[in-house]
């Protein structure tokens, strides 16, 4: 198994740099279920931020990209179950994906609730606002 950085996934998904995209495609297409690539949780979050901020993809496009990543047999995504659950909340709401992931990861760790000062995260991602 080999680890994959955010920029490799961005080049593969966006195909925006001829030389790097070609290399990223070759690498990702060489992966197999028995020799997969590993996607750390922080890379999932960075990927969301890059696709939403730098590329201004829609929520639907980002959800589709993350869904494809999660369900690829050639990739192992860290904390996949929490990422899947966070993506479900994100897709069904107007919450930010990182907030959904924070809440779902904390929930899976046994936390009763996630405390926040972020009103949006409390309203949309299931966190509890500190009063």
N, C-alpha and C. Protein backbone atom coordinates (compact mmCIF):
# COMPACT_ATOMS: atom_id res chain seq x y z
N UNK A 1 0.86 -1.18 0.00
CA UNK A 1 0.00 0.00 0.00
C UNK A 1 0.90 1.24 0.00
N UNK A 2 0.46 2.25 -0.73
CA UNK A 2 1.20 3.52 -0.75
C UNK A 2 0.25 4.64 -0.36
N UNK A 3 0.78 5.62 0.33
CA UNK A 3 -0.01 6.77 0.71
C UNK A 3 -0.13 7.76 -0.44
N UNK A 4 -1.24 8.46 -0.48
CA UNK A 4 -1.48 9.45 -1.53
C UNK A 4 -1.70 10.83 -0.91
N UNK A 5 -1.01 11.81 -1.45
CA UNK A 5 -1.18 13.19 -0.99
C UNK A 5 -2.34 13.83 -1.75
N UNK A 6 -2.84 14.91 -1.19
CA UNK A 6 -3.97 15.62 -1.77
C UNK A 6 -3.71 16.04 -3.21
N UNK A 7 -2.52 16.56 -3.48
CA UNK A 7 -2.24 17.07 -4.83
C UNK A 7 -2.31 15.98 -5.89
N UNK A 8 -1.99 14.76 -5.54
CA UNK A 8 -2.09 13.65 -6.49
C UNK A 8 -3.56 13.42 -6.86
N UNK A 9 -4.43 13.42 -5.85
CA UNK A 9 -5.86 13.21 -6.11
C UNK A 9 -6.46 14.38 -6.88
N UNK A 10 -6.03 15.59 -6.55
CA UNK A 10 -6.53 16.77 -7.28
C UNK A 10 -6.15 16.68 -8.75
N UNK A 11 -4.89 16.36 -9.03
CA UNK A 11 -4.45 16.25 -10.43
C UNK A 11 -5.24 15.18 -11.17
N UNK A 12 -5.51 14.06 -10.49
CA UNK A 12 -6.27 12.97 -11.11
C UNK A 12 -7.71 13.37 -11.37
N UNK A 13 -8.35 13.98 -10.40
CA UNK A 13 -9.76 14.36 -10.54
C UNK A 13 -9.94 15.50 -11.52
N UNK A 14 -9.11 16.54 -11.39
CA UNK A 14 -9.32 17.75 -12.19
C UNK A 14 -8.65 17.70 -13.57
N UNK A 15 -7.62 16.89 -13.72
CA UNK A 15 -6.91 16.80 -15.00
C UNK A 15 -6.55 18.20 -15.52
N UNK A 16 -5.96 19.00 -14.64
CA UNK A 16 -5.72 20.42 -14.94
C UNK A 16 -4.26 20.77 -15.22
N UNK A 17 -3.38 19.82 -15.10
CA UNK A 17 -1.95 20.04 -15.38
C UNK A 17 -1.50 18.84 -16.21
N UNK A 18 -1.20 19.09 -17.46
CA UNK A 18 -0.93 17.99 -18.40
C UNK A 18 0.10 17.00 -17.86
N UNK A 19 1.24 17.48 -17.42
CA UNK A 19 2.31 16.58 -16.98
C UNK A 19 1.96 15.86 -15.68
N UNK A 20 1.53 16.62 -14.67
CA UNK A 20 1.22 16.00 -13.38
C UNK A 20 -0.04 15.14 -13.45
N UNK A 21 -1.03 15.56 -14.20
CA UNK A 21 -2.25 14.76 -14.33
C UNK A 21 -1.97 13.41 -14.98
N UNK A 22 -1.09 13.41 -15.97
CA UNK A 22 -0.71 12.16 -16.65
C UNK A 22 -0.04 11.22 -15.65
N UNK A 23 0.87 11.76 -14.84
CA UNK A 23 1.56 10.94 -13.84
C UNK A 23 0.60 10.44 -12.76
N UNK A 24 -0.30 11.32 -12.32
CA UNK A 24 -1.27 10.93 -11.29
C UNK A 24 -2.20 9.84 -11.83
N UNK A 25 -2.63 9.99 -13.07
CA UNK A 25 -3.50 9.00 -13.68
C UNK A 25 -2.79 7.65 -13.79
N UNK A 26 -1.56 7.68 -14.24
CA UNK A 26 -0.78 6.44 -14.37
C UNK A 26 -0.65 5.76 -13.00
N UNK A 27 -0.33 6.55 -11.98
CA UNK A 27 -0.18 6.00 -10.63
C UNK A 27 -1.50 5.41 -10.13
N UNK A 28 -2.57 6.19 -10.18
CA UNK A 28 -3.84 5.72 -9.64
C UNK A 28 -4.38 4.53 -10.42
N UNK A 29 -4.17 4.51 -11.71
CA UNK A 29 -4.67 3.38 -12.50
C UNK A 29 -3.79 2.14 -12.36
N UNK A 30 -2.63 2.28 -11.73
CA UNK A 30 -1.77 1.12 -11.46
C UNK A 30 -2.14 0.44 -10.14
N UNK A 31 -2.95 1.11 -9.33
CA UNK A 31 -3.34 0.57 -8.03
C UNK A 31 -4.36 -0.55 -8.23
N UNK A 32 -4.37 -1.48 -7.28
CA UNK A 32 -5.30 -2.60 -7.34
C UNK A 32 -5.89 -2.83 -5.95
N UNK A 33 -6.94 -3.64 -5.86
CA UNK A 33 -7.49 -3.95 -4.54
C UNK A 33 -6.47 -4.63 -3.61
N UNK A 34 -5.51 -5.35 -4.18
CA UNK A 34 -4.50 -6.01 -3.34
C UNK A 34 -3.28 -5.12 -3.10
N UNK A 35 -3.10 -4.11 -3.92
CA UNK A 35 -2.02 -3.12 -3.76
C UNK A 35 -2.65 -1.73 -3.88
N UNK A 36 -3.45 -1.33 -2.87
CA UNK A 36 -4.20 -0.08 -2.96
C UNK A 36 -3.39 1.15 -2.56
N UNK A 37 -3.98 2.29 -2.84
CA UNK A 37 -3.46 3.54 -2.34
C UNK A 37 -4.19 3.88 -1.05
N UNK A 38 -3.48 4.51 -0.13
CA UNK A 38 -4.07 4.90 1.16
C UNK A 38 -4.34 6.39 1.16
N UNK A 39 -5.57 6.75 1.53
CA UNK A 39 -5.98 8.15 1.58
C UNK A 39 -6.21 8.53 3.05
N UNK A 40 -5.26 9.27 3.65
CA UNK A 40 -5.44 9.69 5.04
C UNK A 40 -6.65 10.63 5.20
N UNK A 41 -7.21 10.64 6.37
CA UNK A 41 -8.38 11.48 6.64
C UNK A 41 -8.11 12.95 6.35
N UNK A 42 -6.94 13.43 6.70
CA UNK A 42 -6.62 14.83 6.44
C UNK A 42 -6.62 15.12 4.94
N UNK A 43 -6.26 14.16 4.12
CA UNK A 43 -6.29 14.34 2.66
C UNK A 43 -7.74 14.48 2.18
N UNK A 44 -8.65 13.74 2.77
CA UNK A 44 -10.07 13.86 2.41
C UNK A 44 -10.55 15.29 2.67
N UNK A 45 -10.19 15.83 3.83
CA UNK A 45 -10.60 17.20 4.18
C UNK A 45 -9.93 18.20 3.26
N UNK A 46 -8.63 18.06 3.03
CA UNK A 46 -7.93 18.98 2.12
C UNK A 46 -8.53 18.91 0.72
N UNK A 47 -8.86 17.72 0.26
CA UNK A 47 -9.45 17.56 -1.06
C UNK A 47 -10.77 18.32 -1.14
N UNK A 48 -11.59 18.22 -0.12
CA UNK A 48 -12.83 18.99 -0.09
C UNK A 48 -12.53 20.48 -0.22
N UNK A 49 -11.60 20.98 0.57
CA UNK A 49 -11.30 22.41 0.55
C UNK A 49 -10.77 22.87 -0.81
N UNK A 50 -9.89 22.08 -1.41
CA UNK A 50 -9.34 22.45 -2.72
C UNK A 50 -10.43 22.45 -3.78
N UNK A 51 -11.25 21.41 -3.79
CA UNK A 51 -12.30 21.33 -4.81
C UNK A 51 -13.35 22.43 -4.64
N UNK A 52 -13.65 22.78 -3.40
CA UNK A 52 -14.66 23.82 -3.18
C UNK A 52 -14.09 25.22 -3.32
N UNK A 53 -12.89 25.45 -2.82
CA UNK A 53 -12.32 26.81 -2.83
C UNK A 53 -11.58 27.14 -4.12
N UNK A 54 -10.60 26.34 -4.46
CA UNK A 54 -9.77 26.64 -5.62
C UNK A 54 -10.49 26.38 -6.94
N UNK A 55 -11.29 25.32 -6.98
CA UNK A 55 -11.97 24.95 -8.23
C UNK A 55 -13.45 25.33 -8.26
N UNK A 56 -13.96 25.74 -7.12
CA UNK A 56 -15.35 26.20 -7.00
C UNK A 56 -16.36 25.19 -7.54
N UNK A 57 -16.11 23.90 -7.26
CA UNK A 57 -17.07 22.88 -7.68
C UNK A 57 -18.33 22.98 -6.84
N UNK A 58 -19.43 22.55 -7.39
CA UNK A 58 -20.71 22.56 -6.67
C UNK A 58 -20.70 21.48 -5.59
N UNK A 59 -21.64 21.58 -4.68
CA UNK A 59 -21.79 20.56 -3.63
C UNK A 59 -21.97 19.18 -4.26
N UNK A 60 -22.78 19.12 -5.31
CA UNK A 60 -23.06 17.85 -5.97
C UNK A 60 -21.79 17.28 -6.61
N UNK A 61 -20.99 18.12 -7.24
CA UNK A 61 -19.76 17.66 -7.86
C UNK A 61 -18.77 17.17 -6.81
N UNK A 62 -18.67 17.90 -5.71
CA UNK A 62 -17.77 17.49 -4.63
C UNK A 62 -18.24 16.18 -4.02
N UNK A 63 -19.54 16.07 -3.77
CA UNK A 63 -20.08 14.83 -3.20
C UNK A 63 -19.81 13.65 -4.14
N UNK A 64 -19.95 13.86 -5.43
CA UNK A 64 -19.69 12.79 -6.40
C UNK A 64 -18.22 12.39 -6.38
N UNK A 65 -17.33 13.37 -6.31
CA UNK A 65 -15.89 13.07 -6.27
C UNK A 65 -15.53 12.30 -5.00
N UNK A 66 -16.06 12.74 -3.86
CA UNK A 66 -15.77 12.04 -2.60
C UNK A 66 -16.38 10.65 -2.59
N UNK A 67 -17.57 10.52 -3.14
CA UNK A 67 -18.24 9.22 -3.20
C UNK A 67 -17.42 8.25 -4.05
N UNK A 68 -16.92 8.72 -5.18
CA UNK A 68 -16.09 7.87 -6.04
C UNK A 68 -14.81 7.45 -5.32
N UNK A 69 -14.22 8.37 -4.58
CA UNK A 69 -13.02 8.08 -3.81
C UNK A 69 -13.30 7.00 -2.77
N UNK A 70 -14.37 7.17 -2.03
CA UNK A 70 -14.73 6.24 -0.96
C UNK A 70 -15.01 4.84 -1.50
N UNK A 71 -15.65 4.76 -2.63
CA UNK A 71 -16.07 3.45 -3.16
C UNK A 71 -15.09 2.81 -4.14
N UNK A 72 -13.94 3.44 -4.35
CA UNK A 72 -12.93 2.87 -5.23
C UNK A 72 -12.31 1.65 -4.56
N UNK A 73 -12.26 0.56 -5.29
CA UNK A 73 -11.64 -0.67 -4.76
C UNK A 73 -10.12 -0.56 -4.73
N UNK A 74 -9.59 0.45 -5.42
CA UNK A 74 -8.14 0.63 -5.48
C UNK A 74 -7.63 1.57 -4.39
N UNK A 75 -8.54 2.09 -3.57
CA UNK A 75 -8.15 3.02 -2.51
C UNK A 75 -8.66 2.55 -1.16
N UNK A 76 -7.86 2.78 -0.15
CA UNK A 76 -8.27 2.56 1.23
C UNK A 76 -8.34 3.93 1.88
N UNK A 77 -9.54 4.33 2.29
CA UNK A 77 -9.74 5.63 2.91
C UNK A 77 -9.77 5.46 4.42
N UNK A 78 -8.92 6.22 5.11
CA UNK A 78 -8.88 6.18 6.57
C UNK A 78 -10.24 6.55 7.13
N UNK A 79 -10.68 5.80 8.11
CA UNK A 79 -11.97 6.03 8.77
C UNK A 79 -13.11 6.12 7.75
N UNK A 80 -13.09 5.18 6.83
CA UNK A 80 -14.05 5.17 5.73
C UNK A 80 -15.50 5.26 6.21
N UNK A 81 -15.85 4.50 7.24
CA UNK A 81 -17.24 4.51 7.72
C UNK A 81 -17.67 5.91 8.16
N UNK A 82 -16.78 6.63 8.85
CA UNK A 82 -17.13 7.99 9.28
C UNK A 82 -17.21 8.93 8.07
N UNK A 83 -16.34 8.74 7.09
CA UNK A 83 -16.38 9.58 5.89
C UNK A 83 -17.69 9.34 5.14
N UNK A 84 -18.10 8.09 5.03
CA UNK A 84 -19.37 7.76 4.37
C UNK A 84 -20.53 8.44 5.10
N UNK A 85 -20.55 8.33 6.42
CA UNK A 85 -21.63 8.94 7.20
C UNK A 85 -21.62 10.47 7.08
N UNK A 86 -20.44 11.05 7.11
CA UNK A 86 -20.33 12.51 6.96
C UNK A 86 -20.80 12.94 5.58
N UNK A 87 -20.46 12.17 4.57
CA UNK A 87 -20.89 12.50 3.21
C UNK A 87 -22.40 12.43 3.07
N UNK A 88 -23.02 11.49 3.75
CA UNK A 88 -24.50 11.39 3.74
C UNK A 88 -25.12 12.65 4.34
N UNK A 89 -24.60 13.09 5.48
CA UNK A 89 -25.13 14.30 6.12
C UNK A 89 -24.89 15.51 5.22
N UNK A 90 -23.69 15.62 4.68
CA UNK A 90 -23.33 16.72 3.78
C UNK A 90 -24.26 16.76 2.57
N UNK A 91 -24.51 15.62 1.97
CA UNK A 91 -25.34 15.55 0.76
C UNK A 91 -26.80 15.87 1.03
N UNK A 92 -27.25 15.63 2.25
CA UNK A 92 -28.65 15.84 2.59
C UNK A 92 -28.91 17.16 3.29
N UNK A 93 -27.90 18.01 3.38
CA UNK A 93 -28.05 19.26 4.13
C UNK A 93 -27.27 20.38 3.45
N UNK A 94 -27.15 21.49 4.15
CA UNK A 94 -26.32 22.59 3.68
C UNK A 94 -25.08 22.76 4.56
N UNK A 95 -24.80 21.74 5.37
CA UNK A 95 -23.64 21.77 6.26
C UNK A 95 -22.35 21.66 5.47
N UNK A 96 -21.26 22.18 6.05
CA UNK A 96 -19.95 22.01 5.46
C UNK A 96 -19.48 20.58 5.71
N UNK A 97 -18.82 20.00 4.72
CA UNK A 97 -18.34 18.62 4.87
C UNK A 97 -17.39 18.45 6.05
N UNK A 98 -16.40 19.35 6.25
CA UNK A 98 -15.52 19.16 7.41
C UNK A 98 -16.29 19.14 8.74
N UNK A 99 -17.32 19.97 8.87
CA UNK A 99 -18.13 19.95 10.10
C UNK A 99 -18.84 18.61 10.25
N UNK A 100 -19.36 18.09 9.16
CA UNK A 100 -20.02 16.78 9.21
C UNK A 100 -19.02 15.70 9.62
N UNK A 101 -17.82 15.78 9.08
CA UNK A 101 -16.81 14.79 9.39
C UNK A 101 -16.35 14.89 10.84
N UNK A 102 -16.20 16.09 11.35
CA UNK A 102 -15.85 16.27 12.76
C UNK A 102 -16.91 15.64 13.65
N UNK A 103 -18.16 15.94 13.36
CA UNK A 103 -19.25 15.42 14.19
C UNK A 103 -19.34 13.90 14.11
N UNK A 104 -19.25 13.34 12.93
CA UNK A 104 -19.37 11.88 12.75
C UNK A 104 -18.17 11.15 13.34
N UNK A 105 -16.99 11.70 13.21
CA UNK A 105 -15.79 11.08 13.77
C UNK A 105 -15.85 11.09 15.30
N UNK A 106 -16.26 12.21 15.86
CA UNK A 106 -16.40 12.30 17.32
C UNK A 106 -17.47 11.33 17.82
N UNK A 107 -18.58 11.25 17.09
CA UNK A 107 -19.65 10.33 17.46
C UNK A 107 -19.14 8.89 17.46
N UNK A 108 -18.38 8.52 16.42
CA UNK A 108 -17.85 7.16 16.33
C UNK A 108 -16.85 6.87 17.44
N UNK A 109 -16.22 7.93 17.98
CA UNK A 109 -15.27 7.76 19.08
C UNK A 109 -15.97 7.67 20.43
N UNK A 110 -17.30 7.77 20.41
CA UNK A 110 -18.06 7.64 21.64
C UNK A 110 -18.46 8.95 22.29
N UNK A 111 -18.21 10.06 21.64
CA UNK A 111 -18.58 11.36 22.21
C UNK A 111 -20.11 11.51 22.21
N UNK A 112 -20.63 12.01 23.30
CA UNK A 112 -22.07 12.25 23.42
C UNK A 112 -22.51 13.40 22.53
N UNK A 113 -21.61 14.39 22.37
CA UNK A 113 -21.91 15.56 21.55
C UNK A 113 -20.60 16.26 21.20
N UNK A 114 -20.68 17.13 20.21
CA UNK A 114 -19.53 17.94 19.82
C UNK A 114 -19.89 19.39 20.08
N UNK A 115 -19.10 20.03 20.91
CA UNK A 115 -19.36 21.41 21.29
C UNK A 115 -18.68 22.36 20.31
N UNK A 116 -19.37 23.48 20.01
CA UNK A 116 -18.82 24.42 19.04
C UNK A 116 -19.32 25.84 19.31
N UNK A 117 -18.58 26.81 18.78
CA UNK A 117 -19.05 28.19 18.75
C UNK A 117 -19.64 28.52 17.38
N UNK A 118 -19.54 27.59 16.44
CA UNK A 118 -20.00 27.77 15.07
C UNK A 118 -21.51 27.52 14.98
N UNK A 119 -22.26 28.60 14.80
CA UNK A 119 -23.72 28.50 14.74
C UNK A 119 -24.16 27.58 13.60
N UNK A 120 -23.51 27.71 12.44
CA UNK A 120 -23.85 26.87 11.30
C UNK A 120 -23.62 25.40 11.57
N UNK A 121 -22.52 25.07 12.21
CA UNK A 121 -22.22 23.67 12.53
C UNK A 121 -23.24 23.11 13.51
N UNK A 122 -23.69 23.95 14.42
CA UNK A 122 -24.70 23.52 15.39
C UNK A 122 -26.04 23.29 14.69
N UNK A 123 -26.42 24.18 13.81
CA UNK A 123 -27.70 24.06 13.11
C UNK A 123 -27.71 22.97 12.04
N UNK A 124 -26.58 22.83 11.34
CA UNK A 124 -26.59 21.98 10.15
C UNK A 124 -25.85 20.65 10.27
N UNK A 125 -24.88 20.57 11.16
CA UNK A 125 -24.06 19.37 11.23
C UNK A 125 -24.26 18.57 12.53
N UNK A 126 -25.20 18.99 13.36
CA UNK A 126 -25.51 18.22 14.56
C UNK A 126 -24.64 18.48 15.76
N UNK A 127 -23.85 19.55 15.72
CA UNK A 127 -23.06 19.92 16.90
C UNK A 127 -23.91 20.70 17.87
N UNK A 128 -23.37 20.94 19.06
CA UNK A 128 -24.09 21.68 20.10
C UNK A 128 -23.39 23.01 20.32
N UNK A 129 -24.16 24.07 20.23
CA UNK A 129 -23.63 25.42 20.39
C UNK A 129 -23.34 25.70 21.86
N UNK A 130 -22.16 26.24 22.12
CA UNK A 130 -21.80 26.65 23.48
C UNK A 130 -22.48 27.99 23.72
N UNK A 131 -23.28 28.04 24.74
CA UNK A 131 -24.03 29.27 25.03
C UNK A 131 -23.24 30.22 25.89
